[in-house]
Amino acid sequence: MWGLLAHQMTALGLAQVCLAHPEWRDRYAPIVTRAAAKSLLPEMRAEFTAAWKGEDGSADLSNPHAHAYLSYPALALGMARLVDPAFPPGLAAQHDAMISAFQRQLLASPTGLLETLPGEAYPTDVAAVAAAIAVHGRATGIDHSAVLAHWAQQVRAVQIDRGTGLVVQRMGVDGQAHDAPRASGTGLAAYFAGFADRGLADKLATGLFHQERSVLGFSAIHEYGKGHDGPGDIDSGPVILGISVSATSFALAPARAFGHRDIFTRLFRTADLVGLPLRSGTRLRFATSGVVGNALLLAFLTSGPELAR
């Protein structure tokens, strides 16, 4: 799973660089395609396949289970296809098949929710599904507006907690909450929603920024919405005095993409302090973030060009 996320976010970050700086496309677009292709490797989704009792979501795209985690390689492929003129036809065919399945499944869902794990739907992952569909449309010229409108409507109606403005972290496909409204899921959903629906992404970002807590020019994001509490987990990272490491990092993307300069500056001060940046010439990496953390920060710190058009 961590390999899947690292390759996807590397592809997204470098593709965003290509969109912002077309003069660098020849250098980075082939790397985007390689990273996206690696995100399709079976070992990248082994944990999900095991959770589905051996059912590999990519093996039979006609099956009734949506396997929403496949949105991560699908979105990476779409961004590669968007920026790489030499995108391989074989990968394009795989990409088309994945998007066709997601479109069919999402239109059939009255709540706009698809399973990632058996009985569990994550609005964040479904936002990645919508992002993948939207980017496919940009890369191919196919009109996916109907399915994206259906998804956005159901996010507003079913998946956002009205009291906090945050998305519920885990739900059943029937729309019943299995967890609290939380900032880590909302932050990543806001980033993904930016590919598909700018207005909805802005709405999610607004809820997220209400969770900001600031001290002396540094800020971080509180994980649980007002009236809710709980521990940290794989999604939030460590939760210390209510503050989520992951949510704080995720919030960098919508802060940058939507031009919230003051919020971005406060958040980046914290990331820069805790991340222990190491610079070598024009290169930068964060010592405490590891491979996955650096891939995430690459995507979030270059966010903006992906916003829906």
Protein backbone atom coordinates (compact mmCIF):
# COMPACT_ATOMS: atom_id res chain seq x y z
CA MET A 1 0.00 0.00 0.00
CA TRP A 2 2.81 2.44 0.85
CA GLY A 3 4.46 1.66 -2.48
CA LEU A 4 1.19 2.42 -4.27
CA LEU A 5 0.92 5.79 -2.55
CA ALA A 6 4.59 6.66 -3.13
CA HIS A 7 4.43 5.95 -6.86
CA GLN A 8 1.07 7.66 -7.30
CA MET A 9 2.10 10.83 -5.51
CA THR A 10 5.42 10.95 -7.36
CA ALA A 11 3.50 10.77 -10.63
CA LEU A 12 1.03 13.47 -9.55
CA GLY A 13 3.70 15.82 -8.25
CA LEU A 14 5.89 15.60 -11.33
CA ALA A 15 2.86 15.88 -13.63
CA GLN A 16 1.84 19.06 -11.81
CA VAL A 17 5.37 20.37 -12.36
CA CYS A 18 5.00 19.63 -16.09
CA LEU A 19 1.66 21.47 -16.21
CA ALA A 20 3.10 24.48 -14.40
CA HIS A 21 6.39 24.46 -16.34
CA PRO A 22 5.88 23.04 -19.86
CA GLU A 23 9.58 23.58 -20.56
CA TRP A 24 10.35 20.73 -18.13
CA ARG A 25 7.91 18.28 -19.73
CA ASP A 26 10.53 16.43 -21.80
CA ARG A 27 12.55 15.81 -18.66
CA TYR A 28 9.82 14.71 -16.29
CA ALA A 29 6.92 13.30 -18.35
CA PRO A 30 8.63 9.92 -18.98
CA ILE A 31 9.26 9.61 -15.23
CA VAL A 32 5.58 10.35 -14.57
CA THR A 33 4.62 7.48 -16.87
CA ARG A 34 7.11 5.08 -15.25
CA ALA A 35 5.84 5.91 -11.76
CA ALA A 36 2.21 5.54 -12.87
CA ALA A 37 2.92 2.18 -14.52
CA LYS A 38 4.62 0.91 -11.35
CA SER A 39 1.53 1.83 -9.32
CA LEU A 40 -0.30 -0.88 -11.31
CA LEU A 41 2.01 -3.70 -10.18
CA PRO A 42 0.16 -6.47 -8.25
CA GLU A 43 2.43 -6.09 -5.23
CA MET A 44 1.28 -2.50 -4.81
CA ARG A 45 -2.24 -3.66 -3.95
CA ALA A 46 -1.40 -6.95 -2.20
CA GLU A 47 -2.92 -5.81 1.12
CA PHE A 48 -6.18 -4.89 -0.59
CA THR A 49 -6.28 -8.18 -2.50
CA ALA A 50 -5.77 -10.05 0.78
CA ALA A 51 -8.57 -8.06 2.45
CA TRP A 52 -10.87 -9.08 -0.42
CA LYS A 53 -9.95 -12.75 0.20
CA GLY A 54 -7.78 -12.98 -2.90
CA GLU A 55 -10.03 -10.99 -5.23
CA ASP A 56 -7.80 -8.71 -7.32
CA GLY A 57 -9.85 -5.70 -8.35
CA SER A 58 -7.94 -5.15 -11.57
CA ALA A 59 -8.31 -8.75 -12.78
CA ASP A 60 -12.04 -8.48 -13.57
CA LEU A 61 -13.34 -4.94 -13.91
CA SER A 62 -16.85 -6.22 -14.61
CA ASN A 63 -17.28 -7.62 -11.07
CA PRO A 64 -19.77 -5.88 -8.76
CA HIS A 65 -17.14 -4.73 -6.26
CA ALA A 66 -15.71 -1.33 -7.11
CA HIS A 67 -12.32 -1.66 -5.36
CA ALA A 68 -12.01 2.11 -5.00
CA TYR A 69 -8.30 1.85 -4.14
CA LEU A 70 -7.72 1.34 -7.88
CA SER A 71 -8.44 5.05 -8.24
CA TYR A 72 -4.88 5.73 -7.10
CA PRO A 73 -3.16 4.09 -10.09
CA ALA A 74 -6.01 5.27 -12.36
CA LEU A 75 -5.41 8.90 -11.40
CA ALA A 76 -1.64 8.51 -11.82
CA LEU A 77 -2.16 7.02 -15.28
CA GLY A 78 -4.46 9.88 -16.22
CA MET A 79 -1.93 12.52 -15.25
CA ALA A 80 0.79 10.66 -17.14
CA ARG A 81 -1.45 10.45 -20.18
CA LEU A 82 -2.14 14.16 -19.90
CA VAL A 83 1.50 15.25 -19.92
CA ASP A 84 3.38 12.49 -21.80
CA PRO A 85 3.00 12.53 -25.62
CA ALA A 86 4.64 9.08 -25.69
CA PHE A 87 2.14 7.49 -23.27
CA PRO A 88 2.00 3.78 -24.29
CA PRO A 89 -1.17 2.56 -26.09
CA GLY A 90 -1.29 -0.55 -23.89
CA LEU A 91 -1.46 1.54 -20.74
CA ALA A 92 -4.05 3.77 -22.39
CA ALA A 93 -6.29 0.74 -22.99
CA GLN A 94 -5.95 -0.34 -19.35
CA HIS A 95 -6.69 3.18 -18.23
CA ASP A 96 -9.82 3.39 -20.42
CA ALA A 97 -11.13 0.11 -18.99
CA MET A 98 -10.60 1.23 -15.38
CA ILE A 99 -12.36 4.54 -15.95
CA SER A 100 -15.26 2.88 -17.75
CA ALA A 101 -15.77 0.54 -14.78
CA PHE A 102 -15.57 3.38 -12.26
CA GLN A 103 -18.03 5.48 -14.23
CA ARG A 104 -20.55 2.62 -14.37
CA GLN A 105 -20.17 1.84 -10.67
CA LEU A 106 -20.36 5.45 -9.51
CA LEU A 107 -23.48 6.20 -11.54
CA ALA A 108 -25.12 3.11 -10.03
CA SER A 109 -24.38 4.22 -6.44
CA PRO A 110 -27.24 6.26 -4.93
CA THR A 111 -24.90 7.62 -2.24
CA GLY A 112 -21.90 8.27 -4.49
CA LEU A 113 -19.90 5.82 -2.38
CA LEU A 114 -17.84 2.82 -3.53
CA GLU A 115 -16.15 0.17 -1.40
CA THR A 116 -12.42 0.23 -0.82
CA LEU A 117 -12.55 -2.71 1.59
CA PRO A 118 -15.43 -5.16 2.09
CA GLY A 119 -18.27 -3.19 3.66
CA GLU A 120 -16.16 -0.04 3.99
CA ALA A 121 -16.27 3.06 1.78
CA TYR A 122 -13.90 5.98 2.23
CA PRO A 123 -15.10 9.31 0.80
CA THR A 124 -11.45 10.24 0.26
CA ASP A 125 -10.89 7.25 -2.03
CA VAL A 126 -14.08 8.00 -3.92
CA ALA A 127 -12.85 11.58 -4.40
CA ALA A 128 -9.80 9.98 -6.02
CA VAL A 129 -12.19 7.99 -8.25
CA ALA A 130 -13.82 11.25 -9.34
CA ALA A 131 -10.40 12.81 -9.89
CA ALA A 132 -9.36 9.89 -12.07
CA ILE A 133 -12.53 10.18 -14.16
CA ALA A 134 -12.08 13.95 -14.55
CA VAL A 135 -8.44 13.70 -15.63
CA HIS A 136 -9.33 10.94 -18.09
CA GLY A 137 -11.79 13.37 -19.65
CA ARG A 138 -9.12 16.05 -19.92
CA ALA A 139 -6.67 13.62 -21.49
CA THR A 140 -9.12 12.08 -23.99
CA GLY A 141 -11.74 14.78 -24.59
CA ILE A 142 -14.54 12.47 -23.38
CA ASP A 143 -17.37 14.20 -21.52
CA HIS A 144 -17.73 12.75 -18.01
CA SER A 145 -19.76 15.65 -16.61
CA ALA A 146 -22.84 13.58 -15.73
CA VAL A 147 -21.04 11.14 -13.44
CA LEU A 148 -18.97 13.91 -11.84
CA ALA A 149 -22.11 15.94 -11.14
CA HIS A 150 -23.73 12.88 -9.53
CA TRP A 151 -20.67 12.31 -7.34
CA ALA A 152 -20.42 15.95 -6.25
CA GLN A 153 -24.12 16.10 -5.40
CA GLN A 154 -23.86 13.02 -3.18
CA VAL A 155 -20.74 14.29 -1.44
CA ARG A 156 -22.65 17.39 -0.43
CA ALA A 157 -25.80 15.46 0.51
CA VAL A 158 -24.39 12.36 2.20
CA GLN A 159 -20.68 12.47 2.90
CA ILE A 160 -20.08 15.88 4.52
CA ASP A 161 -20.96 16.28 8.20
CA ARG A 162 -23.12 19.40 8.46
CA GLY A 163 -21.91 20.31 11.93
CA THR A 164 -18.21 20.41 11.10
CA GLY A 165 -17.92 20.70 7.31
CA LEU A 166 -15.63 17.65 7.32
CA VAL A 167 -16.20 14.42 5.42
CA VAL A 168 -16.94 11.33 7.45
CA GLN A 169 -13.79 9.21 7.44
CA ARG A 170 -15.41 5.81 6.82
CA MET A 171 -18.94 4.95 5.74
CA GLY A 172 -21.04 2.10 4.47
CA VAL A 173 -22.10 2.29 0.84
CA ASP A 174 -25.59 2.92 2.26
CA GLY A 175 -24.36 6.27 3.57
CA GLN A 176 -24.22 5.25 7.25
CA ALA A 177 -21.26 6.64 9.17
CA HIS A 178 -18.71 4.13 10.46
CA ASP A 179 -16.38 6.79 11.86
CA ALA A 180 -16.28 10.46 12.83
CA PRO A 181 -15.87 13.50 10.56
CA ARG A 182 -12.11 13.98 10.41
CA ALA A 183 -9.56 16.36 8.98
CA SER A 184 -7.11 13.84 7.50
CA GLY A 185 -9.72 12.37 5.18
CA THR A 186 -11.08 15.82 4.38
CA GLY A 187 -7.66 17.23 3.54
CA LEU A 188 -6.79 14.51 1.06
CA ALA A 189 -10.34 14.57 -0.34
CA ALA A 190 -10.01 18.33 -0.91
CA TYR A 191 -6.83 17.73 -2.92
CA PHE A 192 -8.45 15.00 -5.04
CA ALA A 193 -11.70 16.95 -5.46
CA GLY A 194 -9.66 19.76 -6.99
CA PHE A 195 -9.16 17.62 -10.11
CA ALA A 196 -12.91 17.18 -10.57
CA ASP A 197 -14.96 19.99 -9.02
CA ARG A 198 -13.36 23.26 -7.95
CA GLY A 199 -16.40 24.45 -5.98
CA LEU A 200 -16.64 21.25 -3.96
CA ALA A 201 -12.88 21.23 -3.32
CA ASP A 202 -13.13 24.78 -2.00
CA LYS A 203 -16.00 23.75 0.29
CA LEU A 204 -13.98 20.86 1.71
CA ALA A 205 -10.97 23.13 2.16
CA THR A 206 -13.10 25.61 4.12
CA GLY A 207 -14.16 22.88 6.54
CA LEU A 208 -10.57 21.72 6.82
CA PHE A 209 -9.18 25.18 7.60
CA HIS A 210 -11.63 25.56 10.49
CA GLN A 211 -9.50 22.86 12.14
CA GLU A 212 -6.35 25.00 12.04
CA ARG A 213 -4.67 25.70 15.38
CA SER A 214 -1.93 28.35 15.42
CA VAL A 215 0.83 29.34 17.86
CA LEU A 216 3.55 31.95 17.22
CA GLY A 217 3.17 31.82 13.44
CA PHE A 218 3.19 28.02 13.25
CA SER A 219 0.02 26.01 12.69
CA ALA A 220 -1.28 22.47 12.50
CA ILE A 221 -4.60 20.76 11.86
CA HIS A 222 -6.81 19.26 14.56
CA GLU A 223 -7.99 15.82 13.46
CA TYR A 224 -11.50 15.43 14.90
CA GLY A 225 -14.40 17.77 14.30
CA LYS A 226 -16.07 19.54 17.22
CA GLY A 227 -18.00 17.09 19.38
CA HIS A 228 -15.91 14.11 18.25
CA ASP A 229 -12.76 12.50 19.55
CA GLY A 230 -10.67 9.40 18.95
CA PRO A 231 -7.20 7.96 18.46
CA GLY A 232 -4.77 8.24 15.60
CA ASP A 233 -4.58 5.57 12.94
CA ILE A 234 -2.99 4.81 9.57
CA ASP A 235 -4.96 7.65 7.95
CA SER A 236 -4.26 10.42 10.45
CA GLY A 237 -0.77 9.42 11.49
CA PRO A 238 0.10 10.18 15.11
CA VAL A 239 -2.47 12.37 16.85
CA ILE A 240 -0.79 14.48 19.54
CA LEU A 241 -3.01 16.70 21.69
CA GLY A 242 -5.61 16.34 18.96
CA ILE A 243 -3.25 17.43 16.18
CA SER A 244 -2.87 15.14 13.15
CA VAL A 245 0.47 14.87 11.38
CA SER A 246 -1.19 13.70 8.16
CA ALA A 247 -3.96 16.31 8.16
CA THR A 248 -1.38 19.05 8.63
CA SER A 249 0.55 17.84 5.59
CA PHE A 250 -2.57 17.28 3.50
CA ALA A 251 -3.79 20.82 4.20
CA LEU A 252 -0.78 22.23 2.36
CA ALA A 253 -2.32 21.21 -0.99
CA PRO A 254 -5.63 23.10 -0.85
CA ALA A 255 -3.95 26.03 0.93
CA ARG A 256 -1.56 26.38 -2.01
CA ALA A 257 -4.04 25.53 -4.74
CA PHE A 258 -6.66 28.04 -3.56
CA GLY A 259 -4.22 30.82 -2.77
CA HIS A 260 -4.52 30.88 1.04
CA ARG A 261 -1.05 32.31 1.41
CA ASP A 262 -1.20 32.99 5.15
CA ILE A 263 -2.49 29.51 6.00
CA PHE A 264 0.03 27.88 3.69
CA THR A 265 2.89 29.86 5.25
CA ARG A 266 1.94 28.84 8.80
CA LEU A 267 1.53 25.19 7.81
CA PHE A 268 4.78 25.13 5.86
CA ARG A 269 6.69 26.60 8.79
CA THR A 270 5.55 23.61 10.84
CA ALA A 271 6.38 21.11 8.08
CA ASP A 272 9.78 22.71 7.58
CA LEU A 273 10.53 22.60 11.31
CA VAL A 274 9.38 19.03 11.95
CA GLY A 275 10.45 17.60 8.60
CA LEU A 276 14.13 18.51 9.01
CA PRO A 277 14.80 19.64 5.41
CA LEU A 278 18.05 18.57 3.80
CA ARG A 279 19.22 20.58 0.80
CA SER A 280 21.81 19.57 -1.77
CA GLY A 281 22.15 22.09 -4.59
CA THR A 282 18.66 22.49 -6.04
CA ARG A 283 17.41 19.29 -4.38
CA LEU A 284 15.32 19.18 -1.23
CA ARG A 285 14.11 16.28 0.86
CA PHE A 286 12.69 16.02 4.37
CA ALA A 287 14.73 13.74 6.61
CA THR A 288 11.88 12.63 8.87
CA SER A 289 9.35 11.99 6.08
CA GLY A 290 10.73 8.86 4.39
CA VAL A 291 9.93 7.89 0.81
CA VAL A 292 6.15 8.13 1.14
CA GLY A 293 6.22 11.41 3.05
CA ASN A 294 8.52 13.03 0.51
CA ALA A 295 6.32 11.81 -2.36
CA LEU A 296 3.26 13.28 -0.65
CA LEU A 297 5.00 16.60 -0.05
CA LEU A 298 6.11 16.68 -3.70
CA ALA A 299 2.46 16.45 -4.74
CA PHE A 300 1.14 18.90 -2.16
CA LEU A 301 3.85 21.52 -2.59
CA THR A 302 3.30 21.60 -6.37
CA SER A 303 -0.50 21.53 -6.20
CA GLY A 304 -2.63 23.99 -8.14
CA PRO A 305 -2.25 23.13 -11.84
CA GLU A 306 -4.55 20.13 -11.33
CA LEU A 307 -7.58 22.24 -10.41
CA ALA A 308 -10.66 21.40 -12.45
CA ARG A 309 -11.11 23.43 -15.62
